[in-house]
Amino acid sequence: MHDVVTQDRRPTDQTAETQAVTSLTAAFAADPPVRWMYPERADYLAHFPAFVRAFGGVALRQGTLELAEGAAALWIAPGSEPDEAALAETVERSVPNSRQADVFAVFDAMGGYHPEAPHWYLPLMGVVPERQGRGVGAALMRPVLARCDAEGVAAYLEATTERSRALYARLGFDTLGTIRVAGCPPIHPMVRHPRCPG
């Protein structure tokens, strides 16, 4: 039992949002692409919470997130997408001018892999380091993946480490390619096609 709390289709209160942002900030503290964007720890701690709210804010506002102790998965439902204006504003405010073009180039490359058909998108999922390796991440993902199967809808995400890529592969995701742009560590777009029930 992983104490997963499903917030799907319920208004997200401030406590849930705070829990999600806090967990994701701890979980991504050593993530290679994120720390490429925010190499200084002080900058990371100062700006990553705003980045979470911009990149995954739709899930926070619409309540399409999964929570567990020290873990969060922000899912964006079919028909919705990240708030590009908020994301751009966050990057422009928190990344030095000299590096902004590189960061935007990475996001442009990521956008090129999104399926054209309606799909669930997982922009951010993380487990705090002390709880990793206990099945918490997989437990967070299973409710939405089961819904994908029931509704015949794909799921899409980007893996930023080999460990997360292996987890997603175990859950049925296939790697679409590798994004290597502007010196950013590799990012692997992955898609999971719905499975037939039974």
N, C-alpha and C. Protein backbone atom coordinates (compact mmCIF):
# COMPACT_ATOMS: atom_id res chain seq x y z
N MET A 1 0.85 -1.19 0.00
CA MET A 1 0.00 0.00 0.00
C MET A 1 0.88 1.24 0.00
N HIS A 2 0.61 2.17 -0.92
CA HIS A 2 1.48 3.32 -1.06
C HIS A 2 0.80 4.62 -0.69
N ASP A 3 -0.39 4.55 -0.10
CA ASP A 3 -1.08 5.74 0.38
C ASP A 3 -1.25 6.79 -0.70
N VAL A 4 -1.60 6.35 -1.90
CA VAL A 4 -1.81 7.29 -3.00
C VAL A 4 -3.17 7.96 -2.83
N VAL A 5 -3.18 9.27 -2.93
CA VAL A 5 -4.42 10.04 -2.84
C VAL A 5 -4.74 10.58 -4.21
N THR A 6 -5.85 10.15 -4.78
CA THR A 6 -6.23 10.61 -6.10
C THR A 6 -6.98 11.93 -5.98
N GLN A 7 -6.51 12.94 -6.70
CA GLN A 7 -7.17 14.23 -6.72
C GLN A 7 -7.97 14.42 -8.02
N ASP A 8 -8.02 13.40 -8.86
CA ASP A 8 -8.61 13.53 -10.18
C ASP A 8 -10.05 14.04 -10.10
N ARG A 9 -10.33 15.05 -10.89
CA ARG A 9 -11.66 15.63 -11.07
C ARG A 9 -12.24 16.24 -9.78
N ARG A 10 -11.36 16.61 -8.85
CA ARG A 10 -11.80 17.33 -7.67
C ARG A 10 -11.01 18.63 -7.60
N PRO A 11 -11.60 19.70 -7.13
CA PRO A 11 -10.84 20.94 -7.01
C PRO A 11 -9.61 20.72 -6.14
N THR A 12 -8.50 21.28 -6.54
CA THR A 12 -7.26 21.12 -5.79
C THR A 12 -7.17 22.22 -4.74
N ASP A 13 -7.08 21.85 -3.48
CA ASP A 13 -6.95 22.88 -2.46
C ASP A 13 -5.48 23.26 -2.29
N GLN A 14 -5.27 24.32 -1.52
CA GLN A 14 -3.92 24.84 -1.35
C GLN A 14 -2.99 23.83 -0.70
N THR A 15 -3.51 23.00 0.19
CA THR A 15 -2.68 22.00 0.85
C THR A 15 -2.14 20.99 -0.15
N ALA A 16 -3.00 20.52 -1.06
CA ALA A 16 -2.56 19.57 -2.07
C ALA A 16 -1.54 20.20 -3.00
N GLU A 17 -1.76 21.44 -3.40
CA GLU A 17 -0.80 22.12 -4.28
C GLU A 17 0.54 22.27 -3.60
N THR A 18 0.53 22.70 -2.35
CA THR A 18 1.77 22.85 -1.60
C THR A 18 2.50 21.53 -1.46
N GLN A 19 1.76 20.47 -1.16
CA GLN A 19 2.36 19.15 -1.04
C GLN A 19 3.01 18.72 -2.35
N ALA A 20 2.30 18.93 -3.45
CA ALA A 20 2.83 18.54 -4.75
C ALA A 20 4.10 19.31 -5.08
N VAL A 21 4.07 20.62 -4.91
CA VAL A 21 5.23 21.45 -5.26
C VAL A 21 6.41 21.12 -4.36
N THR A 22 6.17 20.93 -3.08
CA THR A 22 7.25 20.60 -2.15
C THR A 22 7.90 19.26 -2.51
N SER A 23 7.06 18.26 -2.78
CA SER A 23 7.59 16.94 -3.13
C SER A 23 8.38 16.99 -4.42
N LEU A 24 7.86 17.67 -5.43
CA LEU A 24 8.54 17.72 -6.72
C LEU A 24 9.85 18.51 -6.63
N THR A 25 9.88 19.54 -5.81
CA THR A 25 11.13 20.31 -5.65
C THR A 25 12.20 19.44 -5.02
N ALA A 26 11.84 18.62 -4.05
CA ALA A 26 12.83 17.69 -3.46
C ALA A 26 13.20 16.59 -4.44
N ALA A 27 12.23 16.10 -5.20
CA ALA A 27 12.47 14.98 -6.12
C ALA A 27 13.38 15.36 -7.28
N PHE A 28 13.29 16.59 -7.76
CA PHE A 28 14.04 17.01 -8.95
C PHE A 28 15.35 17.72 -8.62
N ALA A 29 15.75 17.71 -7.35
CA ALA A 29 16.94 18.46 -6.94
C ALA A 29 18.21 18.01 -7.64
N ALA A 30 18.25 16.76 -8.13
CA ALA A 30 19.43 16.26 -8.84
C ALA A 30 19.10 15.87 -10.28
N ASP A 31 17.95 16.28 -10.79
CA ASP A 31 17.55 15.91 -12.14
C ASP A 31 18.44 16.62 -13.16
N PRO A 32 19.08 15.88 -14.09
CA PRO A 32 20.07 16.51 -14.98
C PRO A 32 19.54 17.66 -15.83
N PRO A 33 18.43 17.50 -16.59
CA PRO A 33 17.98 18.64 -17.38
C PRO A 33 17.52 19.83 -16.53
N VAL A 34 16.86 19.56 -15.41
CA VAL A 34 16.41 20.66 -14.56
C VAL A 34 17.60 21.42 -13.99
N ARG A 35 18.62 20.70 -13.55
CA ARG A 35 19.79 21.38 -12.98
C ARG A 35 20.66 22.01 -14.06
N TRP A 36 20.53 21.55 -15.31
CA TRP A 36 21.15 22.27 -16.43
C TRP A 36 20.48 23.64 -16.57
N MET A 37 19.17 23.68 -16.39
CA MET A 37 18.44 24.94 -16.49
C MET A 37 18.74 25.84 -15.29
N TYR A 38 18.83 25.23 -14.10
CA TYR A 38 19.12 25.97 -12.87
C TYR A 38 20.34 25.36 -12.19
N PRO A 39 21.55 25.64 -12.70
CA PRO A 39 22.74 24.96 -12.17
C PRO A 39 23.10 25.34 -10.74
N GLU A 40 22.75 26.55 -10.32
CA GLU A 40 23.06 26.97 -8.96
C GLU A 40 21.94 26.55 -8.02
N ARG A 41 22.30 25.91 -6.93
CA ARG A 41 21.29 25.40 -6.00
C ARG A 41 20.36 26.50 -5.51
N ALA A 42 20.91 27.67 -5.20
CA ALA A 42 20.07 28.75 -4.71
C ALA A 42 19.03 29.16 -5.76
N ASP A 43 19.44 29.22 -7.02
CA ASP A 43 18.50 29.55 -8.10
C ASP A 43 17.45 28.47 -8.25
N TYR A 44 17.91 27.22 -8.15
CA TYR A 44 16.96 26.11 -8.26
C TYR A 44 15.89 26.21 -7.18
N LEU A 45 16.31 26.37 -5.94
CA LEU A 45 15.35 26.42 -4.83
C LEU A 45 14.45 27.65 -4.93
N ALA A 46 14.98 28.73 -5.47
CA ALA A 46 14.20 29.96 -5.57
C ALA A 46 13.16 29.89 -6.70
N HIS A 47 13.51 29.21 -7.79
CA HIS A 47 12.68 29.30 -9.00
C HIS A 47 11.95 28.03 -9.40
N PHE A 48 12.41 26.86 -8.97
CA PHE A 48 11.76 25.64 -9.44
C PHE A 48 10.30 25.54 -9.00
N PRO A 49 9.92 25.95 -7.79
CA PRO A 49 8.49 25.89 -7.45
C PRO A 49 7.60 26.66 -8.43
N ALA A 50 8.06 27.82 -8.89
CA ALA A 50 7.29 28.57 -9.89
C ALA A 50 7.26 27.83 -11.21
N PHE A 51 8.36 27.17 -11.55
CA PHE A 51 8.40 26.38 -12.77
C PHE A 51 7.39 25.24 -12.70
N VAL A 52 7.29 24.56 -11.56
CA VAL A 52 6.31 23.49 -11.39
C VAL A 52 4.90 24.03 -11.62
N ARG A 53 4.61 25.16 -11.02
CA ARG A 53 3.27 25.74 -11.15
C ARG A 53 2.98 26.17 -12.58
N ALA A 54 4.00 26.57 -13.33
CA ALA A 54 3.80 26.97 -14.73
C ALA A 54 3.68 25.74 -15.63
N PHE A 55 4.60 24.79 -15.48
CA PHE A 55 4.66 23.64 -16.37
C PHE A 55 3.51 22.66 -16.10
N GLY A 56 3.20 22.45 -14.83
CA GLY A 56 2.14 21.51 -14.48
C GLY A 56 0.93 22.16 -13.86
N GLY A 57 0.82 23.48 -13.99
CA GLY A 57 -0.24 24.21 -13.33
C GLY A 57 -1.64 23.80 -13.73
N VAL A 58 -1.80 23.35 -14.97
CA VAL A 58 -3.13 22.90 -15.40
C VAL A 58 -3.61 21.76 -14.52
N ALA A 59 -2.72 20.83 -14.20
CA ALA A 59 -3.10 19.71 -13.34
C ALA A 59 -3.45 20.19 -11.94
N LEU A 60 -2.73 21.20 -11.45
CA LEU A 60 -3.03 21.74 -10.13
C LEU A 60 -4.39 22.43 -10.12
N ARG A 61 -4.68 23.17 -11.19
CA ARG A 61 -5.96 23.89 -11.24
C ARG A 61 -7.14 22.97 -11.50
N GLN A 62 -6.93 21.96 -12.34
CA GLN A 62 -8.04 21.07 -12.71
C GLN A 62 -8.16 19.86 -11.79
N GLY A 63 -7.19 19.69 -10.89
CA GLY A 63 -7.26 18.57 -9.95
C GLY A 63 -6.92 17.23 -10.55
N THR A 64 -6.14 17.23 -11.64
CA THR A 64 -5.75 15.96 -12.27
C THR A 64 -4.35 15.58 -11.82
N LEU A 65 -4.21 15.36 -10.53
CA LEU A 65 -2.93 14.97 -9.99
C LEU A 65 -3.11 13.80 -9.05
N GLU A 66 -2.00 13.12 -8.83
CA GLU A 66 -1.95 12.00 -7.89
C GLU A 66 -0.91 12.35 -6.84
N LEU A 67 -1.25 12.11 -5.59
CA LEU A 67 -0.35 12.44 -4.49
C LEU A 67 -0.12 11.23 -3.60
N ALA A 68 1.08 11.15 -3.07
CA ALA A 68 1.42 10.20 -2.02
C ALA A 68 2.40 10.91 -1.11
N GLU A 69 2.71 10.32 0.02
CA GLU A 69 3.68 10.95 0.92
C GLU A 69 5.01 11.12 0.19
N GLY A 70 5.45 12.36 0.05
CA GLY A 70 6.73 12.63 -0.61
C GLY A 70 6.73 12.39 -2.10
N ALA A 71 5.58 12.43 -2.74
CA ALA A 71 5.54 12.14 -4.18
C ALA A 71 4.33 12.81 -4.81
N ALA A 72 4.48 13.13 -6.10
CA ALA A 72 3.37 13.74 -6.83
C ALA A 72 3.52 13.46 -8.31
N ALA A 73 2.39 13.29 -8.97
CA ALA A 73 2.34 13.16 -10.43
C ALA A 73 1.31 14.16 -10.93
N LEU A 74 1.75 15.08 -11.78
CA LEU A 74 0.85 16.08 -12.35
C LEU A 74 0.46 15.65 -13.75
N TRP A 75 -0.77 15.22 -13.90
CA TRP A 75 -1.28 14.74 -15.18
C TRP A 75 -2.13 15.84 -15.84
N ILE A 76 -1.93 16.03 -17.13
CA ILE A 76 -2.74 16.98 -17.90
C ILE A 76 -3.65 16.17 -18.80
N ALA A 77 -4.95 16.40 -18.66
CA ALA A 77 -5.96 15.59 -19.35
C ALA A 77 -6.01 15.91 -20.84
N PRO A 78 -6.50 14.96 -21.64
CA PRO A 78 -6.70 15.23 -23.07
C PRO A 78 -7.53 16.49 -23.27
N GLY A 79 -7.13 17.29 -24.24
CA GLY A 79 -7.83 18.53 -24.50
C GLY A 79 -7.26 19.73 -23.77
N SER A 80 -6.38 19.49 -22.80
CA SER A 80 -5.69 20.56 -22.08
C SER A 80 -4.21 20.49 -22.41
N GLU A 81 -3.49 21.51 -22.08
CA GLU A 81 -2.05 21.54 -22.32
C GLU A 81 -1.40 22.51 -21.35
N PRO A 82 -0.07 22.41 -21.19
CA PRO A 82 0.60 23.36 -20.30
C PRO A 82 0.35 24.80 -20.73
N ASP A 83 0.38 25.69 -19.77
CA ASP A 83 0.20 27.12 -20.03
C ASP A 83 1.52 27.68 -20.57
N GLU A 84 1.61 27.76 -21.90
CA GLU A 84 2.87 28.18 -22.52
C GLU A 84 3.25 29.60 -22.14
N ALA A 85 2.26 30.48 -22.00
CA ALA A 85 2.57 31.86 -21.61
C ALA A 85 3.18 31.92 -20.22
N ALA A 86 2.60 31.16 -19.28
CA ALA A 86 3.13 31.14 -17.92
C ALA A 86 4.52 30.51 -17.89
N LEU A 87 4.72 29.46 -18.68
CA LEU A 87 6.02 28.81 -18.74
C LEU A 87 7.08 29.77 -19.30
N ALA A 88 6.74 30.46 -20.39
CA ALA A 88 7.67 31.41 -20.99
C ALA A 88 8.00 32.53 -20.00
N GLU A 89 6.99 33.02 -19.31
CA GLU A 89 7.22 34.09 -18.33
C GLU A 89 8.15 33.62 -17.21
N THR A 90 7.96 32.38 -16.77
CA THR A 90 8.81 31.84 -15.70
C THR A 90 10.25 31.72 -16.17
N VAL A 91 10.44 31.20 -17.38
CA VAL A 91 11.81 31.08 -17.90
C VAL A 91 12.45 32.45 -18.06
N GLU A 92 11.71 33.40 -18.61
CA GLU A 92 12.26 34.74 -18.82
C GLU A 92 12.63 35.42 -17.51
N ARG A 93 11.88 35.12 -16.46
CA ARG A 93 12.13 35.73 -15.16
C ARG A 93 13.26 35.05 -14.39
N SER A 94 13.47 33.75 -14.63
CA SER A 94 14.36 32.98 -13.76
C SER A 94 15.64 32.47 -14.40
N VAL A 95 15.74 32.53 -15.73
CA VAL A 95 16.92 32.04 -16.44
C VAL A 95 17.65 33.25 -17.04
N PRO A 96 18.98 33.31 -16.91
CA PRO A 96 19.70 34.45 -17.49
C PRO A 96 19.41 34.61 -18.99
N ASN A 97 19.38 35.86 -19.45
CA ASN A 97 19.07 36.15 -20.85
C ASN A 97 19.93 35.35 -21.82
N SER A 98 21.19 35.16 -21.45
CA SER A 98 22.12 34.47 -22.35
C SER A 98 21.78 33.00 -22.56
N ARG A 99 20.95 32.42 -21.68
CA ARG A 99 20.63 31.00 -21.77
C ARG A 99 19.18 30.73 -22.15
N GLN A 100 18.37 31.76 -22.24
CA GLN A 100 16.95 31.56 -22.48
C GLN A 100 16.67 30.90 -23.83
N ALA A 101 17.40 31.28 -24.87
CA ALA A 101 17.16 30.69 -26.19
C ALA A 101 17.40 29.18 -26.16
N ASP A 102 18.43 28.75 -25.42
CA ASP A 102 18.71 27.31 -25.31
C ASP A 102 17.57 26.59 -24.59
N VAL A 103 17.07 27.18 -23.51
CA VAL A 103 15.98 26.55 -22.76
C VAL A 103 14.74 26.45 -23.63
N PHE A 104 14.41 27.51 -24.34
CA PHE A 104 13.24 27.47 -25.22
C PHE A 104 13.42 26.46 -26.35
N ALA A 105 14.65 26.30 -26.83
CA ALA A 105 14.92 25.31 -27.89
C ALA A 105 14.63 23.89 -27.39
N VAL A 106 14.96 23.62 -26.12
CA VAL A 106 14.67 22.31 -25.54
C VAL A 106 13.16 22.09 -25.48
N PHE A 107 12.43 23.08 -25.02
CA PHE A 107 10.97 22.93 -24.95
C PHE A 107 10.35 22.79 -26.34
N ASP A 108 10.89 23.49 -27.33
CA ASP A 108 10.39 23.33 -28.70
C ASP A 108 10.61 21.90 -29.18
N ALA A 109 11.78 21.34 -28.89
CA ALA A 109 12.06 19.97 -29.30
C ALA A 109 11.13 18.99 -28.60
N MET A 110 10.85 19.22 -27.32
CA MET A 110 9.92 18.37 -26.59
C MET A 110 8.54 18.43 -27.22
N GLY A 111 8.10 19.62 -27.58
CA GLY A 111 6.78 19.78 -28.17
C GLY A 111 6.62 19.03 -29.48
N GLY A 112 7.71 18.82 -30.20
CA GLY A 112 7.64 18.12 -31.48
C GLY A 112 7.32 16.65 -31.36
N TYR A 113 7.44 16.09 -30.16
CA TYR A 113 7.17 14.66 -29.98
C TYR A 113 5.77 14.35 -29.45
N HIS A 114 5.06 15.35 -29.02
CA HIS A 114 3.71 15.08 -28.47
C HIS A 114 2.82 14.43 -29.52
N PRO A 115 2.08 13.40 -29.13
CA PRO A 115 1.13 12.79 -30.08
C PRO A 115 0.12 13.82 -30.55
N GLU A 116 -0.31 13.67 -31.81
CA GLU A 116 -1.32 14.59 -32.33
C GLU A 116 -2.70 14.24 -31.80
N ALA A 117 -2.96 12.96 -31.57
CA ALA A 117 -4.26 12.54 -31.05
C ALA A 117 -4.38 12.94 -29.57
N PRO A 118 -5.60 13.08 -29.06
CA PRO A 118 -5.78 13.40 -27.64
C PRO A 118 -5.04 12.38 -26.76
N HIS A 119 -4.41 12.87 -25.70
CA HIS A 119 -3.62 11.99 -24.84
C HIS A 119 -3.49 12.63 -23.46
N TRP A 120 -3.21 11.79 -22.47
CA TRP A 120 -2.84 12.27 -21.15
C TRP A 120 -1.34 12.59 -21.16
N TYR A 121 -0.97 13.74 -20.61
CA TYR A 121 0.43 14.17 -20.59
C TYR A 121 0.89 14.29 -19.14
N LEU A 122 2.05 13.72 -18.87
CA LEU A 122 2.65 13.77 -17.54
C LEU A 122 3.89 14.67 -17.59
N PRO A 123 3.74 15.98 -17.38
CA PRO A 123 4.91 16.85 -17.46
C PRO A 123 5.87 16.67 -16.28
N LEU A 124 5.32 16.31 -15.11
CA LEU A 124 6.16 16.18 -13.92
C LEU A 124 5.65 15.05 -13.04
N MET A 125 6.55 14.17 -12.66
CA MET A 125 6.27 13.13 -11.67
C MET A 125 7.55 12.91 -10.90
N GLY A 126 7.46 12.90 -9.59
CA GLY A 126 8.67 12.71 -8.81
C GLY A 126 8.38 12.16 -7.43
N VAL A 127 9.40 11.48 -6.91
CA VAL A 127 9.36 10.90 -5.56
C VAL A 127 10.60 11.39 -4.83
N VAL A 128 10.44 11.85 -3.61
CA VAL A 128 11.59 12.34 -2.86
C VAL A 128 12.62 11.22 -2.73
N PRO A 129 13.91 11.56 -2.69
CA PRO A 129 14.96 10.54 -2.73
C PRO A 129 14.81 9.42 -1.70
N GLU A 130 14.41 9.75 -0.47
CA GLU A 130 14.34 8.72 0.55
C GLU A 130 13.20 7.73 0.35
N ARG A 131 12.28 8.01 -0.56
CA ARG A 131 11.17 7.08 -0.82
C ARG A 131 11.28 6.42 -2.19
N GLN A 132 12.32 6.71 -2.93
CA GLN A 132 12.50 6.10 -4.25
C GLN A 132 12.83 4.62 -4.12
N GLY A 133 12.46 3.86 -5.14
CA GLY A 133 12.74 2.43 -5.15
C GLY A 133 11.76 1.60 -4.36
N ARG A 134 10.65 2.19 -3.93
CA ARG A 134 9.65 1.48 -3.13
C ARG A 134 8.33 1.27 -3.88
N GLY A 135 8.31 1.58 -5.16
CA GLY A 135 7.08 1.39 -5.93
C GLY A 135 6.10 2.54 -5.86
N VAL A 136 6.51 3.65 -5.23
CA VAL A 136 5.60 4.78 -5.07
C VAL A 136 5.29 5.42 -6.42
N GLY A 137 6.32 5.61 -7.26
CA GLY A 137 6.10 6.23 -8.56
C GLY A 137 5.15 5.43 -9.43
N ALA A 138 5.34 4.12 -9.47
CA ALA A 138 4.45 3.27 -10.26
C ALA A 138 3.03 3.33 -9.73
N ALA A 139 2.89 3.35 -8.41
CA ALA A 139 1.56 3.43 -7.81
C ALA A 139 0.87 4.74 -8.17
N LEU A 140 1.64 5.82 -8.24
CA LEU A 140 1.07 7.11 -8.62
C LEU A 140 0.54 7.10 -10.05
N MET A 141 1.19 6.35 -10.90
CA MET A 141 0.85 6.38 -12.32
C MET A 141 -0.29 5.43 -12.70
N ARG A 142 -0.45 4.36 -11.96
CA ARG A 142 -1.40 3.32 -12.37
C ARG A 142 -2.85 3.78 -12.51
N PRO A 143 -3.38 4.64 -11.63
CA PRO A 143 -4.79 5.04 -11.83
C PRO A 143 -5.05 5.71 -13.17
N VAL A 144 -4.17 6.60 -13.60
CA VAL A 144 -4.39 7.28 -14.88
C VAL A 144 -4.11 6.33 -16.04
N LEU A 145 -3.13 5.46 -15.90
CA LEU A 145 -2.87 4.50 -16.97
C LEU A 145 -4.05 3.53 -17.14
N ALA A 146 -4.68 3.16 -16.03
CA ALA A 146 -5.87 2.31 -16.12
C ALA A 146 -7.00 3.07 -16.82
N ARG A 147 -7.10 4.33 -16.53
CA ARG A 147 -8.11 5.15 -17.22
C ARG A 147 -7.80 5.25 -18.71
N CYS A 148 -6.54 5.41 -19.05
CA CYS A 148 -6.14 5.44 -20.46
C CYS A 148 -6.59 4.17 -21.17
N ASP A 149 -6.36 3.03 -20.53
CA ASP A 149 -6.75 1.75 -21.12
C ASP A 149 -8.27 1.67 -21.28
N ALA A 150 -8.99 2.10 -20.24
CA ALA A 150 -10.44 2.00 -20.29
C ALA A 150 -11.04 2.91 -21.36
N GLU A 151 -10.40 4.06 -21.58
CA GLU A 151 -10.93 5.03 -22.52
C GLU A 151 -10.27 4.99 -23.88
N GLY A 152 -9.27 4.11 -24.04
CA GLY A 152 -8.59 3.98 -25.33
C GLY A 152 -7.76 5.19 -25.70
N VAL A 153 -7.08 5.78 -24.71
CA VAL A 153 -6.31 7.01 -24.92
C VAL A 153 -4.84 6.75 -24.58
N ALA A 154 -3.95 7.36 -25.34
CA ALA A 154 -2.51 7.22 -25.10
C ALA A 154 -2.07 8.10 -23.92
N ALA A 155 -0.90 7.79 -23.38
CA ALA A 155 -0.24 8.61 -22.37
C ALA A 155 1.14 8.98 -22.91
N TYR A 156 1.59 10.18 -22.57
CA TYR A 156 2.87 10.68 -23.09
C TYR A 156 3.62 11.38 -21.96
N LEU A 157 4.95 11.27 -21.99
CA LEU A 157 5.81 11.93 -21.01
C LEU A 157 7.21 12.06 -21.57
N GLU A 158 8.07 12.74 -20.82
CA GLU A 158 9.49 12.81 -21.15
C GLU A 158 10.29 12.30 -19.96
N ALA A 159 11.12 11.29 -20.18
CA ALA A 159 11.99 10.76 -19.14
C ALA A 159 13.30 11.56 -19.14
N THR A 160 13.75 11.95 -17.95
CA THR A 160 14.95 12.77 -17.87
C THR A 160 16.13 12.05 -17.23
N THR A 161 15.92 10.81 -16.81
CA THR A 161 17.01 9.98 -16.29
C THR A 161 16.81 8.55 -16.80
N GLU A 162 17.87 7.78 -16.77
CA GLU A 162 17.74 6.38 -17.17
C GLU A 162 16.89 5.60 -16.17
N ARG A 163 16.95 5.99 -14.91
CA ARG A 163 16.13 5.30 -13.90
C ARG A 163 14.65 5.52 -14.16
N SER A 164 14.27 6.76 -14.44
CA SER A 164 12.85 7.01 -14.72
C SER A 164 12.44 6.38 -16.05
N ARG A 165 13.32 6.38 -17.00
CA ARG A 165 13.02 5.75 -18.29
C ARG A 165 12.75 4.27 -18.11
N ALA A 166 13.52 3.61 -17.26
CA ALA A 166 13.31 2.18 -17.00
C ALA A 166 11.96 1.94 -16.31
N LEU A 167 11.60 2.81 -15.37
CA LEU A 167 10.29 2.70 -14.71
C LEU A 167 9.18 2.83 -15.74
N TYR A 168 9.26 3.84 -16.57
CA TYR A 168 8.19 4.05 -17.55
C TYR A 168 8.12 2.90 -18.55
N ALA A 169 9.26 2.34 -18.90
CA ALA A 169 9.25 1.19 -19.81
C ALA A 169 8.53 0.01 -19.17
N ARG A 170 8.75 -0.20 -17.88
CA ARG A 170 8.06 -1.29 -17.19
C ARG A 170 6.55 -1.08 -17.17
N LEU A 171 6.13 0.18 -17.24
CA LEU A 171 4.70 0.49 -17.24
C LEU A 171 4.11 0.53 -18.65
N GLY A 172 4.92 0.18 -19.64
CA GLY A 172 4.39 0.06 -21.00
C GLY A 172 4.71 1.20 -21.94
N PHE A 173 5.56 2.14 -21.53
CA PHE A 173 5.93 3.26 -22.40
C PHE A 173 7.05 2.85 -23.34
N ASP A 174 6.98 3.35 -24.57
CA ASP A 174 8.02 3.14 -25.58
C ASP A 174 8.74 4.46 -25.83
N THR A 175 10.06 4.38 -25.99
CA THR A 175 10.86 5.57 -26.26
C THR A 175 10.71 5.98 -27.72
N LEU A 176 10.42 7.25 -27.95
CA LEU A 176 10.23 7.76 -29.31
C LEU A 176 11.51 8.31 -29.91
N GLY A 177 12.45 8.69 -29.08
CA GLY A 177 13.69 9.28 -29.57
C GLY A 177 14.47 9.85 -28.41
N THR A 178 15.50 10.62 -28.72
CA THR A 178 16.32 11.28 -27.71
C THR A 178 16.50 12.73 -28.10
N ILE A 179 16.19 13.63 -27.18
CA ILE A 179 16.37 15.05 -27.42
C ILE A 179 17.73 15.46 -26.85
N ARG A 180 18.58 15.96 -27.73
CA ARG A 180 19.88 16.50 -27.33
C ARG A 180 20.00 17.88 -27.97
N VAL A 181 19.73 18.90 -27.19
CA VAL A 181 19.69 20.26 -27.71
C VAL A 181 20.47 21.18 -26.79
N ALA A 182 21.33 22.00 -27.37
CA ALA A 182 21.96 23.12 -26.66
C ALA A 182 22.69 22.71 -25.38
N GLY A 183 23.27 21.52 -25.36
CA GLY A 183 24.01 21.09 -24.19
C GLY A 183 23.18 20.54 -23.06
N CYS A 184 21.86 20.51 -23.22
CA CYS A 184 21.00 19.93 -22.18
C CYS A 184 21.22 18.43 -22.12
N PRO A 185 21.29 17.84 -20.93
CA PRO A 185 21.38 16.38 -20.84
C PRO A 185 20.22 15.72 -21.58
N PRO A 186 20.39 14.48 -22.02
CA PRO A 186 19.37 13.82 -22.85
C PRO A 186 18.01 13.74 -22.18
N ILE A 187 16.99 13.94 -23.00
CA ILE A 187 15.59 13.80 -22.59
C ILE A 187 14.95 12.80 -23.55
N HIS A 188 14.20 11.84 -23.01
CA HIS A 188 13.63 10.77 -23.82
C HIS A 188 12.10 10.88 -23.85
N PRO A 189 11.52 11.34 -24.96
CA PRO A 189 10.07 11.34 -25.09
C PRO A 189 9.57 9.89 -25.16
N MET A 190 8.46 9.62 -24.45
CA MET A 190 7.95 8.25 -24.40
C MET A 190 6.43 8.27 -24.52
N VAL A 191 5.87 7.26 -25.17
CA VAL A 191 4.44 7.16 -25.33
C VAL A 191 3.97 5.76 -24.92
N ARG A 192 2.80 5.71 -24.36
CA ARG A 192 2.19 4.42 -24.00
C ARG A 192 0.83 4.37 -24.68
N HIS A 193 0.67 3.41 -25.56
CA HIS A 193 -0.59 3.22 -26.24
C HIS A 193 -1.52 2.41 -25.34
N PRO A 194 -2.82 2.68 -25.42
CA PRO A 194 -3.75 1.98 -24.52
C PRO A 194 -3.73 0.48 -24.76
N ARG A 195 -3.89 -0.23 -23.68
CA ARG A 195 -3.92 -1.69 -23.74
C ARG A 195 -5.37 -2.16 -23.72
N CYS A 196 -5.61 -3.24 -24.43
CA CYS A 196 -6.96 -3.79 -24.44
C CYS A 196 -7.26 -4.39 -23.07
N PRO A 197 -8.46 -4.15 -22.54
CA PRO A 197 -8.81 -4.75 -21.25
C PRO A 197 -8.75 -6.27 -21.32
N GLY A 198 -8.36 -6.87 -20.23
CA GLY A 198 -8.30 -8.32 -20.15
C GLY A 198 -6.99 -8.84 -20.61
